[in-house]
Amino acid sequence: MLLEEEKTMLEQQMGEAELTHEKLMEVSNRFQQVLHDIDAKTMRWMELAEIG
């Protein structure tokens, strides 16, 4: 699954009212990791674009 797709899926899951506190924390933590990964990959792409 692509990171952007996973981000969208996680956003949808966080909006679900029936999530337990534990599941919400799990989804929230994964969401933060996905955002970090997207940012890191975007920065790397920008660095490579400057070089090329």
PDB file of N, CA and C in Angstrom:
ATOM      1  N   MET A   1       0.848  -1.171   0.000  1.00  0.00           N
ATOM      2  CA  MET A   1       0.000   0.000   0.000  1.00  0.00           C
ATOM      3  C   MET A   1       0.899   1.242   0.000  1.00  0.00           C
ATOM      4  N   LEU A   2       0.545   2.212  -0.791  1.00  0.00           N
ATOM      5  CA  LEU A   2       1.284   3.460  -0.833  1.00  0.00           C
ATOM      6  C   LEU A   2       1.043   4.257   0.446  1.00  0.00           C
ATOM      7  N   LEU A   3       2.011   5.063   0.816  1.00  0.00           N
ATOM      8  CA  LEU A   3       1.894   5.827   2.053  1.00  0.00           C
ATOM      9  C   LEU A   3       0.701   6.773   2.038  1.00  0.00           C
ATOM     10  N   GLU A   4       0.460   7.434   0.917  1.00  0.00           N
ATOM     11  CA  GLU A   4      -0.677   8.358   0.833  1.00  0.00           C
ATOM     12  C   GLU A   4      -2.002   7.599   0.990  1.00  0.00           C
ATOM     13  N   GLU A   5      -2.077   6.403   0.428  1.00  0.00           N
ATOM     14  CA  GLU A   5      -3.289   5.590   0.573  1.00  0.00           C
ATOM     15  C   GLU A   5      -3.473   5.159   2.029  1.00  0.00           C
ATOM     16  N   GLU A   6      -2.375   4.764   2.651  1.00  0.00           N
ATOM     17  CA  GLU A   6      -2.451   4.356   4.057  1.00  0.00           C
ATOM     18  C   GLU A   6      -2.850   5.539   4.927  1.00  0.00           C
ATOM     19  N   LYS A   7      -2.319   6.723   4.625  1.00  0.00           N
ATOM     20  CA  LYS A   7      -2.669   7.934   5.374  1.00  0.00           C
ATOM     21  C   LYS A   7      -4.174   8.185   5.306  1.00  0.00           C
ATOM     22  N   THR A   8      -4.736   8.081   4.110  1.00  0.00           N
ATOM     23  CA  THR A   8      -6.176   8.289   3.937  1.00  0.00           C
ATOM     24  C   THR A   8      -6.980   7.255   4.719  1.00  0.00           C
ATOM     25  N   MET A   9      -6.555   6.000   4.652  1.00  0.00           N
ATOM     26  CA  MET A   9      -7.245   4.931   5.368  1.00  0.00           C
ATOM     27  C   MET A   9      -7.202   5.176   6.885  1.00  0.00           C
ATOM     28  N   LEU A  10      -6.045   5.593   7.380  1.00  0.00           N
ATOM     29  CA  LEU A  10      -5.900   5.849   8.804  1.00  0.00           C
ATOM     30  C   LEU A  10      -6.750   7.043   9.244  1.00  0.00           C
ATOM     31  N   GLU A  11      -6.816   8.072   8.402  1.00  0.00           N
ATOM     32  CA  GLU A  11      -7.667   9.224   8.699  1.00  0.00           C
ATOM     33  C   GLU A  11      -9.123   8.788   8.834  1.00  0.00           C
ATOM     34  N   GLN A  12      -9.552   7.914   7.950  1.00  0.00           N
ATOM     35  CA  GLN A  12     -10.926   7.414   8.005  1.00  0.00           C
ATOM     36  C   GLN A  12     -11.156   6.606   9.277  1.00  0.00           C
ATOM     37  N   GLN A  13     -10.184   5.774   9.629  1.00  0.00           N
ATOM     38  CA  GLN A  13     -10.314   4.960  10.832  1.00  0.00           C
ATOM     39  C   GLN A  13     -10.387   5.826  12.078  1.00  0.00           C
ATOM     40  N   MET A  14      -9.611   6.915  12.119  1.00  0.00           N
ATOM     41  CA  MET A  14      -9.623   7.777  13.299  1.00  0.00           C
ATOM     42  C   MET A  14     -10.963   8.491  13.458  1.00  0.00           C
ATOM     43  N   GLY A  15     -11.710   8.623  12.384  1.00  0.00           N
ATOM     44  CA  GLY A  15     -13.008   9.268  12.449  1.00  0.00           C
ATOM     45  C   GLY A  15     -14.137   8.345  12.870  1.00  0.00           C
ATOM     46  N   GLU A  16     -13.843   7.064  13.014  1.00  0.00           N
ATOM     47  CA  GLU A  16     -14.872   6.100  13.400  1.00  0.00           C
ATOM     48  C   GLU A  16     -15.157   6.190  14.892  1.00  0.00           C
ATOM     49  N   ALA A  17     -16.418   6.309  15.226  1.00  0.00           N
ATOM     50  CA  ALA A  17     -16.816   6.494  16.619  1.00  0.00           C
ATOM     51  C   ALA A  17     -16.641   5.234  17.464  1.00  0.00           C
ATOM     52  N   GLU A  18     -16.650   4.065  16.838  1.00  0.00           N
ATOM     53  CA  GLU A  18     -16.633   2.825  17.622  1.00  0.00           C
ATOM     54  C   GLU A  18     -15.225   2.338  17.982  1.00  0.00           C
ATOM     55  N   LEU A  19     -14.205   3.112  17.702  1.00  0.00           N
ATOM     56  CA  LEU A  19     -12.850   2.697  18.042  1.00  0.00           C
ATOM     57  C   LEU A  19     -12.654   2.712  19.558  1.00  0.00           C
ATOM     58  N   THR A  20     -11.987   1.690  20.050  1.00  0.00           N
ATOM     59  CA  THR A  20     -11.602   1.684  21.462  1.00  0.00           C
ATOM     60  C   THR A  20     -10.434   2.656  21.641  1.00  0.00           C
ATOM     61  N   HIS A  21     -10.195   3.021  22.867  1.00  0.00           N
ATOM     62  CA  HIS A  21      -9.077   3.925  23.154  1.00  0.00           C
ATOM     63  C   HIS A  21      -7.759   3.306  22.675  1.00  0.00           C
ATOM     64  N   GLU A  22      -7.583   2.017  22.921  1.00  0.00           N
ATOM     65  CA  GLU A  22      -6.348   1.336  22.538  1.00  0.00           C
ATOM     66  C   GLU A  22      -6.165   1.336  21.026  1.00  0.00           C
ATOM     67  N   LYS A  23      -7.256   1.047  20.305  1.00  0.00           N
ATOM     68  CA  LYS A  23      -7.179   1.007  18.842  1.00  0.00           C
ATOM     69  C   LYS A  23      -6.932   2.408  18.288  1.00  0.00           C
ATOM     70  N   LEU A  24      -7.564   3.411  18.872  1.00  0.00           N
ATOM     71  CA  LEU A  24      -7.349   4.786  18.435  1.00  0.00           C
ATOM     72  C   LEU A  24      -5.892   5.189  18.632  1.00  0.00           C
ATOM     73  N   MET A  25      -5.301   4.810  19.744  1.00  0.00           N
ATOM     74  CA  MET A  25      -3.888   5.113  19.994  1.00  0.00           C
ATOM     75  C   MET A  25      -2.995   4.400  18.978  1.00  0.00           C
ATOM     76  N   GLU A  26      -3.321   3.157  18.681  1.00  0.00           N
ATOM     77  CA  GLU A  26      -2.555   2.384  17.701  1.00  0.00           C
ATOM     78  C   GLU A  26      -2.625   3.049  16.325  1.00  0.00           C
ATOM     79  N   VAL A  27      -3.822   3.411  15.906  1.00  0.00           N
ATOM     80  CA  VAL A  27      -4.015   4.048  14.597  1.00  0.00           C
ATOM     81  C   VAL A  27      -3.329   5.406  14.574  1.00  0.00           C
ATOM     82  N   SER A  28      -3.458   6.154  15.651  1.00  0.00           N
ATOM     83  CA  SER A  28      -2.838   7.475  15.734  1.00  0.00           C
ATOM     84  C   SER A  28      -1.315   7.385  15.654  1.00  0.00           C
ATOM     85  N   ASN A  29      -0.738   6.422  16.344  1.00  0.00           N
ATOM     86  CA  ASN A  29       0.708   6.231  16.292  1.00  0.00           C
ATOM     87  C   ASN A  29       1.168   5.868  14.889  1.00  0.00           C
ATOM     88  N   ARG A  30       0.445   4.985  14.238  1.00  0.00           N
ATOM     89  CA  ARG A  30       0.802   4.606  12.869  1.00  0.00           C
ATOM     90  C   ARG A  30       0.657   5.805  11.933  1.00  0.00           C
ATOM     91  N   PHE A  31      -0.394   6.607  12.136  1.00  0.00           N
ATOM     92  CA  PHE A  31      -0.607   7.799  11.323  1.00  0.00           C
ATOM     93  C   PHE A  31       0.593   8.739  11.444  1.00  0.00           C
ATOM     94  N   GLN A  32       1.068   8.942  12.655  1.00  0.00           N
ATOM     95  CA  GLN A  32       2.231   9.806  12.863  1.00  0.00           C
ATOM     96  C   GLN A  32       3.467   9.246  12.153  1.00  0.00           C
ATOM     97  N   GLN A  33       3.645   7.933  12.192  1.00  0.00           N
ATOM     98  CA  GLN A  33       4.785   7.311  11.509  1.00  0.00           C
ATOM     99  C   GLN A  33       4.674   7.487   9.995  1.00  0.00           C
ATOM    100  N   VAL A  34       3.470   7.325   9.460  1.00  0.00           N
ATOM    101  CA  VAL A  34       3.256   7.500   8.024  1.00  0.00           C
ATOM    102  C   VAL A  34       3.553   8.940   7.622  1.00  0.00           C
ATOM    103  N   LEU A  35       3.087   9.907   8.413  1.00  0.00           N
ATOM    104  CA  LEU A  35       3.382  11.314   8.115  1.00  0.00           C
ATOM    105  C   LEU A  35       4.886  11.572   8.122  1.00  0.00           C
ATOM    106  N   HIS A  36       5.577  11.000   9.085  1.00  0.00           N
ATOM    107  CA  HIS A  36       7.035  11.144   9.159  1.00  0.00           C
ATOM    108  C   HIS A  36       7.694  10.552   7.914  1.00  0.00           C
ATOM    109  N   ASP A  37       7.260   9.361   7.521  1.00  0.00           N
ATOM    110  CA  ASP A  37       7.829   8.708   6.340  1.00  0.00           C
ATOM    111  C   ASP A  37       7.572   9.521   5.074  1.00  0.00           C
ATOM    112  N   ILE A  38       6.371  10.071   4.944  1.00  0.00           N
ATOM    113  CA  ILE A  38       6.045  10.900   3.772  1.00  0.00           C
ATOM    114  C   ILE A  38       6.956  12.128   3.747  1.00  0.00           C
ATOM    115  N   ASP A  39       7.107  12.777   4.891  1.00  0.00           N
ATOM    116  CA  ASP A  39       7.967  13.957   4.961  1.00  0.00           C
ATOM    117  C   ASP A  39       9.409  13.616   4.599  1.00  0.00           C
ATOM    118  N   ALA A  40       9.917  12.520   5.128  1.00  0.00           N
ATOM    119  CA  ALA A  40      11.296  12.121   4.861  1.00  0.00           C
ATOM    120  C   ALA A  40      11.495  11.822   3.382  1.00  0.00           C
ATOM    121  N   LYS A  41      10.561  11.123   2.785  1.00  0.00           N
ATOM    122  CA  LYS A  41      10.679  10.784   1.362  1.00  0.00           C
ATOM    123  C   LYS A  41      10.530  12.023   0.485  1.00  0.00           C
ATOM    124  N   THR A  42       9.678  12.952   0.896  1.00  0.00           N
ATOM    125  CA  THR A  42       9.518  14.196   0.150  1.00  0.00           C
ATOM    126  C   THR A  42      10.802  15.016   0.197  1.00  0.00           C
ATOM    127  N   MET A  43      11.403  15.090   1.380  1.00  0.00           N
ATOM    128  CA  MET A  43      12.663  15.829   1.511  1.00  0.00           C
ATOM    129  C   MET A  43      13.759  15.196   0.656  1.00  0.00           C
ATOM    130  N   ARG A  44      13.809  13.894   0.654  1.00  0.00           N
ATOM    131  CA  ARG A  44      14.837  13.199  -0.158  1.00  0.00           C
ATOM    132  C   ARG A  44      14.590  13.458  -1.640  1.00  0.00           C
ATOM    133  N   TRP A  45      13.340  13.441  -2.063  1.00  0.00           N
ATOM    134  CA  TRP A  45      13.027  13.708  -3.457  1.00  0.00           C
ATOM    135  C   TRP A  45      13.453  15.131  -3.826  1.00  0.00           C
ATOM    136  N   MET A  46      13.217  16.086  -2.921  1.00  0.00           N
ATOM    137  CA  MET A  46      13.609  17.467  -3.184  1.00  0.00           C
ATOM    138  C   MET A  46      15.126  17.606  -3.270  1.00  0.00           C
ATOM    139  N   GLU A  47      15.843  16.900  -2.404  1.00  0.00           N
ATOM    140  CA  GLU A  47      17.302  16.925  -2.461  1.00  0.00           C
ATOM    141  C   GLU A  47      17.807  16.384  -3.782  1.00  0.00           C
ATOM    142  N   LEU A  48      17.246  15.283  -4.223  1.00  0.00           N
ATOM    143  CA  LEU A  48      17.666  14.686  -5.498  1.00  0.00           C
ATOM    144  C   LEU A  48      17.303  15.583  -6.667  1.00  0.00           C
ATOM    145  N   ALA A  49      16.170  16.272  -6.589  1.00  0.00           N
ATOM    146  CA  ALA A  49      15.764  17.172  -7.668  1.00  0.00           C
ATOM    147  C   ALA A  49      16.744  18.347  -7.775  1.00  0.00           C
ATOM    148  N   GLU A  50      17.260  18.818  -6.657  1.00  0.00           N
ATOM    149  CA  GLU A  50      18.229  19.914  -6.671  1.00  0.00           C
ATOM    150  C   GLU A  50      19.543  19.481  -7.307  1.00  0.00           C
ATOM    151  N   ILE A  51      19.940  18.242  -7.048  1.00  0.00           N
ATOM    152  CA  ILE A  51      21.205  17.721  -7.585  1.00  0.00           C
ATOM    153  C   ILE A  51      21.109  17.548  -9.104  1.00  0.00           C
ATOM    154  N   GLY A  52      19.965  17.020  -9.542  1.00  0.00           N
ATOM    155  CA  GLY A  52      19.789  16.685 -10.956  1.00  0.00           C
ATOM    156  C   GLY A  52      19.397  17.845 -11.739  1.00  0.00           C
TER     157      GLY A  52
END
